[in-house]
């Protein structure tokens, strides 16, 4: 069976999202592989201290654009799915809500009740659960990102994770591990830790790097914080599985005869 025969536009947009995701994955993995972590110190003689500065250098500029492209195509795939289930739903978005009660209200709207069969509405509500804390919570996050992202306020930032063993040791026999939260990198070259100015500091081992992205608004702060590759991989898989399952049920309920190709 040609898997694209029932919902061709949805699959086309999904496949575009996959193409952009593969490009994003290549860029991120290449960056992590050749990561450059710069360590430096800023001394404060009047205070008798010095700050350890950690900076991720040469972050790829293309990440923000690719995040926007993947988000746009995934949302388009979901919306096309609605119109392909019933062309009368051309101007209706795929139902996504913050809470289950809100999703029920959306699905009970006249346009959905009239133009979407009950089995489709039940499938979305009970099995997909596209709301926060539902099984499809990724769709709610995708919706938020899509509403905010205009290729200008997505901030891809590095996250330094812990590595087994001692990472920082000092002449005073202090030991520290790298454990930096993503928000640390909102400020460029922010001091990570302060030491005495006469204390020798040794970097034993570089931490591994993950890349997160932020939806950041200056007046509000961080809106979303997601590990890039994991989020988009799972969202693409969830979207594809949902479309395929809907297609199977659509064929069954409508008794469509599909010729194998």
C-alpha atoms as a PDB file:
ATOM      1  CA  UNK A   1       0.000   0.000   0.000  1.00  0.00           C
ATOM      2  CA  UNK A   2       1.218   3.468  -0.810  1.00  0.00           C
ATOM      3  CA  UNK A   3       1.322   4.967   2.697  1.00  0.00           C
ATOM      4  CA  UNK A   4       0.848   8.497   1.358  1.00  0.00           C
ATOM      5  CA  UNK A   5      -2.295   7.821  -0.660  1.00  0.00           C
ATOM      6  CA  UNK A   6      -4.890   9.067   1.839  1.00  0.00           C
ATOM      7  CA  UNK A   7      -3.101  12.045   3.395  1.00  0.00           C
ATOM      8  CA  UNK A   8      -0.477  13.103   0.804  1.00  0.00           C
ATOM      9  CA  UNK A   9      -0.112  16.734   1.934  1.00  0.00           C
ATOM     10  CA  UNK A  10       0.364  15.742   5.567  1.00  0.00           C
ATOM     11  CA  UNK A  11       3.103  13.295   4.608  1.00  0.00           C
ATOM     12  CA  UNK A  12       4.771  15.855   2.324  1.00  0.00           C
ATOM     13  CA  UNK A  13       5.075  18.360   5.176  1.00  0.00           C
ATOM     14  CA  UNK A  14       6.204  15.647   7.575  1.00  0.00           C
ATOM     15  CA  UNK A  15       8.907  14.561   5.139  1.00  0.00           C
ATOM     16  CA  UNK A  16      10.124  18.156   4.839  1.00  0.00           C
ATOM     17  CA  UNK A  17      10.363  18.309   8.623  1.00  0.00           C
ATOM     18  CA  UNK A  18      12.455  15.120   8.514  1.00  0.00           C
ATOM     19  CA  UNK A  19      14.803  16.630   5.930  1.00  0.00           C
ATOM     20  CA  UNK A  20      15.356  19.741   8.054  1.00  0.00           C
ATOM     21  CA  UNK A  21      15.749  17.588  11.169  1.00  0.00           C
ATOM     22  CA  UNK A  22      18.469  15.492   9.517  1.00  0.00           C
ATOM     23  CA  UNK A  23      20.283  18.696   8.594  1.00  0.00           C
ATOM     24  CA  UNK A  24      19.906  20.009  12.140  1.00  0.00           C
ATOM     25  CA  UNK A  25      21.122  16.719  13.579  1.00  0.00           C
ATOM     26  CA  UNK A  26      24.209  16.786  11.369  1.00  0.00           C
ATOM     27  CA  UNK A  27      25.061  20.361  12.398  1.00  0.00           C
ATOM     28  CA  UNK A  28      24.578  19.716  16.111  1.00  0.00           C
ATOM     29  CA  UNK A  29      26.450  16.425  16.195  1.00  0.00           C
ATOM     30  CA  UNK A  30      29.307  17.955  14.236  1.00  0.00           C
ATOM     31  CA  UNK A  31      29.426  20.868  16.672  1.00  0.00           C
ATOM     32  CA  UNK A  32      29.405  18.599  19.714  1.00  0.00           C
ATOM     33  CA  UNK A  33      32.161  16.501  18.164  1.00  0.00           C
ATOM     34  CA  UNK A  34      34.430  19.486  17.591  1.00  0.00           C
ATOM     35  CA  UNK A  35      33.171  21.566  20.516  1.00  0.00           C
ATOM     36  CA  UNK A  36      35.303  24.382  21.754  1.00  0.00           C
ATOM     37  CA  UNK A  37      34.976  25.175  25.423  1.00  0.00           C
ATOM     38  CA  UNK A  38      36.956  28.234  26.431  1.00  0.00           C
ATOM     39  CA  UNK A  39      38.085  28.633  30.042  1.00  0.00           C
ATOM     40  CA  UNK A  40      39.414  31.931  31.364  1.00  0.00           C
ATOM     41  CA  UNK A  41      39.666  33.906  34.585  1.00  0.00           C
ATOM     42  CA  UNK A  42      38.707  37.437  35.483  1.00  0.00           C
ATOM     43  CA  UNK A  43      40.551  38.686  38.538  1.00  0.00           C
ATOM     44  CA  UNK A  44      39.220  41.132  41.151  1.00  0.00           C
ATOM     45  CA  UNK A  45      42.329  42.228  43.111  1.00  0.00           C
ATOM     46  CA  UNK A  46      40.372  44.573  45.364  1.00  0.00           C
ATOM     47  CA  UNK A  47      38.207  41.620  46.487  1.00  0.00           C
ATOM     48  CA  UNK A  48      40.959  39.041  46.448  1.00  0.00           C
ATOM     49  CA  UNK A  49      38.951  36.805  44.139  1.00  0.00           C
ATOM     50  CA  UNK A  50      38.863  35.589  40.567  1.00  0.00           C
ATOM     51  CA  UNK A  51      35.951  34.298  38.492  1.00  0.00           C
ATOM     52  CA  UNK A  52      36.124  31.207  36.303  1.00  0.00           C
ATOM     53  CA  UNK A  53      34.521  32.021  32.948  1.00  0.00           C
ATOM     54  CA  UNK A  54      33.242  29.200  30.734  1.00  0.00           C
ATOM     55  CA  UNK A  55      32.190  29.918  27.194  1.00  0.00           C
ATOM     56  CA  UNK A  56      31.003  27.750  24.318  1.00  0.00           C
ATOM     57  CA  UNK A  57      32.500  29.215  21.183  1.00  0.00           C
ATOM     58  CA  UNK A  58      31.470  29.093  17.541  1.00  0.00           C
ATOM     59  CA  UNK A  59      27.849  28.079  18.079  1.00  0.00           C
ATOM     60  CA  UNK A  60      26.258  27.346  14.658  1.00  0.00           C
ATOM     61  CA  UNK A  61      24.032  30.196  13.459  1.00  0.00           C
ATOM     62  CA  UNK A  62      21.876  27.881  11.317  1.00  0.00           C
ATOM     63  CA  UNK A  63      20.277  26.170  14.312  1.00  0.00           C
ATOM     64  CA  UNK A  64      17.669  28.877  14.934  1.00  0.00           C
ATOM     65  CA  UNK A  65      16.489  28.874  11.322  1.00  0.00           C
ATOM     66  CA  UNK A  66      16.266  25.082  11.171  1.00  0.00           C
ATOM     67  CA  UNK A  67      14.266  24.980  14.402  1.00  0.00           C
ATOM     68  CA  UNK A  68      11.797  27.380  12.807  1.00  0.00           C
ATOM     69  CA  UNK A  69      11.606  25.330   9.589  1.00  0.00           C
ATOM     70  CA  UNK A  70      10.997  22.048  11.424  1.00  0.00           C
ATOM     71  CA  UNK A  71       8.357  23.638  13.645  1.00  0.00           C
ATOM     72  CA  UNK A  72       6.545  25.209  10.681  1.00  0.00           C
ATOM     73  CA  UNK A  73       6.428  21.969   8.692  1.00  0.00           C
ATOM     74  CA  UNK A  74       5.276  19.841  11.623  1.00  0.00           C
ATOM     75  CA  UNK A  75       2.442  22.260  12.390  1.00  0.00           C
ATOM     76  CA  UNK A  76       1.540  22.358   8.694  1.00  0.00           C
ATOM     77  CA  UNK A  77       1.447  18.536   8.600  1.00  0.00           C
ATOM     78  CA  UNK A  78      -1.013  18.525  11.502  1.00  0.00           C
ATOM     79  CA  UNK A  79      -3.222  21.199   9.953  1.00  0.00           C
ATOM     80  CA  UNK A  80      -3.205  19.544   6.528  1.00  0.00           C
ATOM     81  CA  UNK A  81      -4.298  16.357   8.269  1.00  0.00           C
ATOM     82  CA  UNK A  82      -7.471  18.089   9.421  1.00  0.00           C
ATOM     83  CA  UNK A  83      -8.335  19.325   5.928  1.00  0.00           C
ATOM     84  CA  UNK A  84      -7.567  15.910   4.427  1.00  0.00           C
ATOM     85  CA  UNK A  85      -9.843  14.210   6.937  1.00  0.00           C
ATOM     86  CA  UNK A  86     -12.553  16.568   5.734  1.00  0.00           C
ATOM     87  CA  UNK A  87     -11.987  19.426   3.222  1.00  0.00           C
ATOM     88  CA  UNK A  88     -14.636  21.464   5.053  1.00  0.00           C
ATOM     89  CA  UNK A  89     -12.116  21.782   7.891  1.00  0.00           C
ATOM     90  CA  UNK A  90      -9.690  23.658   5.620  1.00  0.00           C
ATOM     91  CA  UNK A  91      -9.508  26.653   7.966  1.00  0.00           C
ATOM     92  CA  UNK A  92      -9.445  24.675  11.208  1.00  0.00           C
ATOM     93  CA  UNK A  93      -6.199  23.910  13.002  1.00  0.00           C
ATOM     94  CA  UNK A  94      -5.323  20.565  14.487  1.00  0.00           C
ATOM     95  CA  UNK A  95      -6.880  20.695  17.984  1.00  0.00           C
ATOM     96  CA  UNK A  96      -4.262  21.401  20.645  1.00  0.00           C
ATOM     97  CA  UNK A  97      -4.989  22.813  24.098  1.00  0.00           C
ATOM     98  CA  UNK A  98      -3.282  23.501  27.419  1.00  0.00           C
ATOM     99  CA  UNK A  99      -5.564  21.119  29.340  1.00  0.00           C
ATOM    100  CA  UNK A 100      -7.871  18.195  28.592  1.00  0.00           C
ATOM    101  CA  UNK A 101     -10.941  20.225  29.525  1.00  0.00           C
ATOM    102  CA  UNK A 102      -9.943  22.872  26.963  1.00  0.00           C
ATOM    103  CA  UNK A 103      -9.430  20.208  24.300  1.00  0.00           C
ATOM    104  CA  UNK A 104     -12.924  18.845  24.964  1.00  0.00           C
ATOM    105  CA  UNK A 105     -14.364  22.325  24.439  1.00  0.00           C
ATOM    106  CA  UNK A 106     -12.502  22.683  21.132  1.00  0.00           C
ATOM    107  CA  UNK A 107     -13.675  19.306  19.854  1.00  0.00           C
ATOM    108  CA  UNK A 108     -17.234  20.156  20.860  1.00  0.00           C
ATOM    109  CA  UNK A 109     -17.254  23.260  18.680  1.00  0.00           C
ATOM    110  CA  UNK A 110     -19.808  23.074  15.900  1.00  0.00           C
ATOM    111  CA  UNK A 111     -17.300  22.901  13.056  1.00  0.00           C
ATOM    112  CA  UNK A 112     -15.514  19.914  14.584  1.00  0.00           C
ATOM    113  CA  UNK A 113     -18.707  18.136  15.653  1.00  0.00           C
ATOM    114  CA  UNK A 114     -20.227  18.449  12.187  1.00  0.00           C
ATOM    115  CA  UNK A 115     -17.136  17.821  10.067  1.00  0.00           C
ATOM    116  CA  UNK A 116     -15.135  15.312  12.130  1.00  0.00           C
ATOM    117  CA  UNK A 117     -16.539  11.841  12.745  1.00  0.00           C
ATOM    118  CA  UNK A 118     -16.891  10.888  16.396  1.00  0.00           C
ATOM    119  CA  UNK A 119     -14.237   8.175  16.122  1.00  0.00           C
ATOM    120  CA  UNK A 120     -11.687  10.814  15.001  1.00  0.00           C
ATOM    121  CA  UNK A 121     -12.570  13.155  17.853  1.00  0.00           C
ATOM    122  CA  UNK A 122     -12.382  10.278  20.349  1.00  0.00           C
ATOM    123  CA  UNK A 123      -9.029   9.181  18.896  1.00  0.00           C
ATOM    124  CA  UNK A 124      -7.535  12.673  19.278  1.00  0.00           C
ATOM    125  CA  UNK A 125      -8.957  13.180  22.769  1.00  0.00           C
ATOM    126  CA  UNK A 126      -8.293   9.782  24.323  1.00  0.00           C
ATOM    127  CA  UNK A 127      -5.307   8.370  22.442  1.00  0.00           C
ATOM    128  CA  UNK A 128      -3.286  11.312  21.108  1.00  0.00           C
ATOM    129  CA  UNK A 129      -3.986  13.640  24.059  1.00  0.00           C
ATOM    130  CA  UNK A 130      -2.462  16.819  22.551  1.00  0.00           C
ATOM    131  CA  UNK A 131      -2.420  18.871  25.731  1.00  0.00           C
ATOM    132  CA  UNK A 132       0.072  19.595  28.503  1.00  0.00           C
ATOM    133  CA  UNK A 133       0.664  16.515  30.679  1.00  0.00           C
ATOM    134  CA  UNK A 134      -1.108  14.323  28.096  1.00  0.00           C
ATOM    135  CA  UNK A 135       0.653  11.645  26.058  1.00  0.00           C
ATOM    136  CA  UNK A 136       0.845  14.168  23.220  1.00  0.00           C
ATOM    137  CA  UNK A 137       2.270  16.984  25.339  1.00  0.00           C
ATOM    138  CA  UNK A 138       4.935  17.548  22.660  1.00  0.00           C
ATOM    139  CA  UNK A 139       2.178  18.921  20.425  1.00  0.00           C
ATOM    140  CA  UNK A 140       1.321  21.540  23.064  1.00  0.00           C
ATOM    141  CA  UNK A 141       4.962  22.593  23.280  1.00  0.00           C
ATOM    142  CA  UNK A 142       5.206  22.625  19.477  1.00  0.00           C
ATOM    143  CA  UNK A 143       2.143  24.870  19.378  1.00  0.00           C
ATOM    144  CA  UNK A 144       3.740  27.306  21.844  1.00  0.00           C
ATOM    145  CA  UNK A 145       6.969  27.432  19.901  1.00  0.00           C
ATOM    146  CA  UNK A 146       5.078  27.980  16.647  1.00  0.00           C
ATOM    147  CA  UNK A 147       3.144  30.876  18.146  1.00  0.00           C
ATOM    148  CA  UNK A 148       6.279  32.612  19.376  1.00  0.00           C
ATOM    149  CA  UNK A 149       8.992  31.670  16.898  1.00  0.00           C
ATOM    150  CA  UNK A 150       9.628  34.043  14.010  1.00  0.00           C
ATOM    151  CA  UNK A 151      13.278  33.049  13.542  1.00  0.00           C
ATOM    152  CA  UNK A 152      14.283  35.840  15.888  1.00  0.00           C
ATOM    153  CA  UNK A 153      13.810  34.872  19.539  1.00  0.00           C
ATOM    154  CA  UNK A 154      14.815  31.221  19.460  1.00  0.00           C
ATOM    155  CA  UNK A 155      18.151  31.036  21.265  1.00  0.00           C
ATOM    156  CA  UNK A 156      20.202  27.864  20.838  1.00  0.00           C
ATOM    157  CA  UNK A 157      22.498  27.617  23.815  1.00  0.00           C
ATOM    158  CA  UNK A 158      24.940  25.073  25.136  1.00  0.00           C
ATOM    159  CA  UNK A 159      24.535  23.008  28.242  1.00  0.00           C
ATOM    160  CA  UNK A 160      27.582  21.654  30.016  1.00  0.00           C
ATOM    161  CA  UNK A 161      26.703  18.357  31.668  1.00  0.00           C
ATOM    162  CA  UNK A 162      28.394  16.363  34.384  1.00  0.00           C
ATOM    163  CA  UNK A 163      31.171  13.910  33.623  1.00  0.00           C
ATOM    164  CA  UNK A 164      32.110  11.082  35.978  1.00  0.00           C
ATOM    165  CA  UNK A 165      35.089  11.939  38.155  1.00  0.00           C
ATOM    166  CA  UNK A 166      36.592  15.202  39.353  1.00  0.00           C
ATOM    167  CA  UNK A 167      36.416  18.012  36.805  1.00  0.00           C
ATOM    168  CA  UNK A 168      37.865  20.988  38.711  1.00  0.00           C
ATOM    169  CA  UNK A 169      40.477  20.728  41.425  1.00  0.00           C
ATOM    170  CA  UNK A 170      42.342  23.485  43.233  1.00  0.00           C
ATOM    171  CA  UNK A 171      45.555  23.925  45.144  1.00  0.00           C
ATOM    172  CA  UNK A 172      43.432  24.029  48.287  1.00  0.00           C
ATOM    173  CA  UNK A 173      42.230  20.509  47.519  1.00  0.00           C
ATOM    174  CA  UNK A 174      38.709  21.601  46.646  1.00  0.00           C
ATOM    175  CA  UNK A 175      36.926  19.593  43.949  1.00  0.00           C
ATOM    176  CA  UNK A 176      33.963  20.560  41.792  1.00  0.00           C
ATOM    177  CA  UNK A 177      31.917  18.973  39.039  1.00  0.00           C
ATOM    178  CA  UNK A 178      30.542  20.757  35.993  1.00  0.00           C
ATOM    179  CA  UNK A 179      26.807  21.011  36.458  1.00  0.00           C
ATOM    180  CA  UNK A 180      25.529  24.064  34.616  1.00  0.00           C
ATOM    181  CA  UNK A 181      21.874  24.808  34.043  1.00  0.00           C
ATOM    182  CA  UNK A 182      20.851  26.030  30.549  1.00  0.00           C
ATOM    183  CA  UNK A 183      19.915  29.489  31.836  1.00  0.00           C
ATOM    184  CA  UNK A 184      23.572  30.071  32.678  1.00  0.00           C
ATOM    185  CA  UNK A 185      24.302  30.755  29.017  1.00  0.00           C
ATOM    186  CA  UNK A 186      21.705  33.506  28.642  1.00  0.00           C
ATOM    187  CA  UNK A 187      24.461  35.806  29.853  1.00  0.00           C
ATOM    188  CA  UNK A 188      27.548  35.592  27.679  1.00  0.00           C
ATOM    189  CA  UNK A 189      30.701  34.830  29.619  1.00  0.00           C
ATOM    190  CA  UNK A 190      28.894  34.742  32.957  1.00  0.00           C
ATOM    191  CA  UNK A 191      31.162  33.734  35.879  1.00  0.00           C
ATOM    192  CA  UNK A 192      30.671  30.060  36.720  1.00  0.00           C
ATOM    193  CA  UNK A 193      32.457  29.940  40.073  1.00  0.00           C
ATOM    194  CA  UNK A 194      34.540  32.304  42.195  1.00  0.00           C
ATOM    195  CA  UNK A 195      37.864  31.316  43.729  1.00  0.00           C
ATOM    196  CA  UNK A 196      40.455  32.996  45.893  1.00  0.00           C
ATOM    197  CA  UNK A 197      42.833  34.995  43.731  1.00  0.00           C
ATOM    198  CA  UNK A 198      45.870  33.029  44.984  1.00  0.00           C
ATOM    199  CA  UNK A 199      44.221  29.641  44.482  1.00  0.00           C
ATOM    200  CA  UNK A 200      45.480  27.559  41.560  1.00  0.00           C
ATOM    201  CA  UNK A 201      42.641  25.974  39.563  1.00  0.00           C
ATOM    202  CA  UNK A 202      43.031  22.899  37.363  1.00  0.00           C
ATOM    203  CA  UNK A 203      40.544  21.729  34.736  1.00  0.00           C
ATOM    204  CA  UNK A 204      40.788  17.934  34.927  1.00  0.00           C
ATOM    205  CA  UNK A 205      38.314  16.962  32.241  1.00  0.00           C
ATOM    206  CA  UNK A 206      36.012  18.809  29.849  1.00  0.00           C
ATOM    207  CA  UNK A 207      32.297  18.177  30.391  1.00  0.00           C
ATOM    208  CA  UNK A 208      30.110  16.810  27.625  1.00  0.00           C
ATOM    209  CA  UNK A 209      27.873  19.238  25.765  1.00  0.00           C
ATOM    210  CA  UNK A 210      24.176  19.114  25.029  1.00  0.00           C
ATOM    211  CA  UNK A 211      22.424  21.806  23.030  1.00  0.00           C
ATOM    212  CA  UNK A 212      19.115  23.131  24.257  1.00  0.00           C
ATOM    213  CA  UNK A 213      17.046  25.843  22.672  1.00  0.00           C
ATOM    214  CA  UNK A 214      15.102  28.551  24.388  1.00  0.00           C
ATOM    215  CA  UNK A 215      12.069  30.520  23.471  1.00  0.00           C
ATOM    216  CA  UNK A 216      13.117  33.726  25.135  1.00  0.00           C
ATOM    217  CA  UNK A 217      11.254  37.009  25.459  1.00  0.00           C
ATOM    218  CA  UNK A 218      13.176  39.910  27.010  1.00  0.00           C
ATOM    219  CA  UNK A 219      10.255  41.089  29.126  1.00  0.00           C
ATOM    220  CA  UNK A 220       9.261  37.633  30.329  1.00  0.00           C
ATOM    221  CA  UNK A 221      12.345  35.442  30.293  1.00  0.00           C
ATOM    222  CA  UNK A 222      12.550  31.796  29.292  1.00  0.00           C
ATOM    223  CA  UNK A 223       9.278  30.474  27.880  1.00  0.00           C
ATOM    224  CA  UNK A 224      10.408  27.004  26.874  1.00  0.00           C
ATOM    225  CA  UNK A 225      13.588  25.048  27.417  1.00  0.00           C
ATOM    226  CA  UNK A 226      13.988  21.876  25.389  1.00  0.00           C
ATOM    227  CA  UNK A 227      16.832  19.616  24.364  1.00  0.00           C
ATOM    228  CA  UNK A 228      16.732  20.106  20.612  1.00  0.00           C
ATOM    229  CA  UNK A 229      17.376  16.726  19.048  1.00  0.00           C
ATOM    230  CA  UNK A 230      15.386  14.652  21.523  1.00  0.00           C
ATOM    231  CA  UNK A 231      12.335  16.913  21.296  1.00  0.00           C
ATOM    232  CA  UNK A 232      12.127  17.025  17.512  1.00  0.00           C
ATOM    233  CA  UNK A 233      12.948  13.339  17.087  1.00  0.00           C
ATOM    234  CA  UNK A 234      10.121  12.251  19.393  1.00  0.00           C
ATOM    235  CA  UNK A 235       7.691  14.815  17.952  1.00  0.00           C
ATOM    236  CA  UNK A 236       8.363  13.692  14.370  1.00  0.00           C
ATOM    237  CA  UNK A 237       7.933  10.033  15.379  1.00  0.00           C
ATOM    238  CA  UNK A 238       4.704  10.774  17.259  1.00  0.00           C
ATOM    239  CA  UNK A 239       3.316  12.752  14.327  1.00  0.00           C
ATOM    240  CA  UNK A 240       4.167  10.036  11.812  1.00  0.00           C
ATOM    241  CA  UNK A 241       2.705   7.251  13.961  1.00  0.00           C
ATOM    242  CA  UNK A 242      -0.480   9.259  14.469  1.00  0.00           C
ATOM    243  CA  UNK A 243      -0.963   9.957  10.746  1.00  0.00           C
ATOM    244  CA  UNK A 244      -0.355   6.311   9.850  1.00  0.00           C
ATOM    245  CA  UNK A 245      -2.786   5.091  12.512  1.00  0.00           C
ATOM    246  CA  UNK A 246      -5.417   7.632  11.456  1.00  0.00           C
ATOM    247  CA  UNK A 247      -4.974   6.516   7.875  1.00  0.00           C
ATOM    248  CA  UNK A 248      -5.568   2.861   8.797  1.00  0.00           C
ATOM    249  CA  UNK A 249      -8.720   3.712  10.712  1.00  0.00           C
ATOM    250  CA  UNK A 250      -9.911   6.094   8.019  1.00  0.00           C
ATOM    251  CA  UNK A 251      -9.635   3.299   5.445  1.00  0.00           C
ATOM    252  CA  UNK A 252     -11.450   0.918   7.789  1.00  0.00           C
ATOM    253  CA  UNK A 253     -14.318   3.241   8.737  1.00  0.00           C
ATOM    254  CA  UNK A 254     -14.821   4.456   5.191  1.00  0.00           C
ATOM    255  CA  UNK A 255     -14.347   0.991   3.648  1.00  0.00           C
ATOM    256  CA  UNK A 256     -11.836   2.333   1.134  1.00  0.00           C
ATOM    257  CA  UNK A 257     -10.199  -0.153  -1.193  1.00  0.00           C
ATOM    258  CA  UNK A 258      -6.529   0.726  -1.546  1.00  0.00           C
ATOM    259  CA  UNK A 259      -4.478  -0.758  -4.382  1.00  0.00           C
ATOM    260  CA  UNK A 260      -0.907  -1.690  -3.470  1.00  0.00           C
ATOM    261  CA  UNK A 261       1.876  -0.017  -5.471  1.00  0.00           C
END
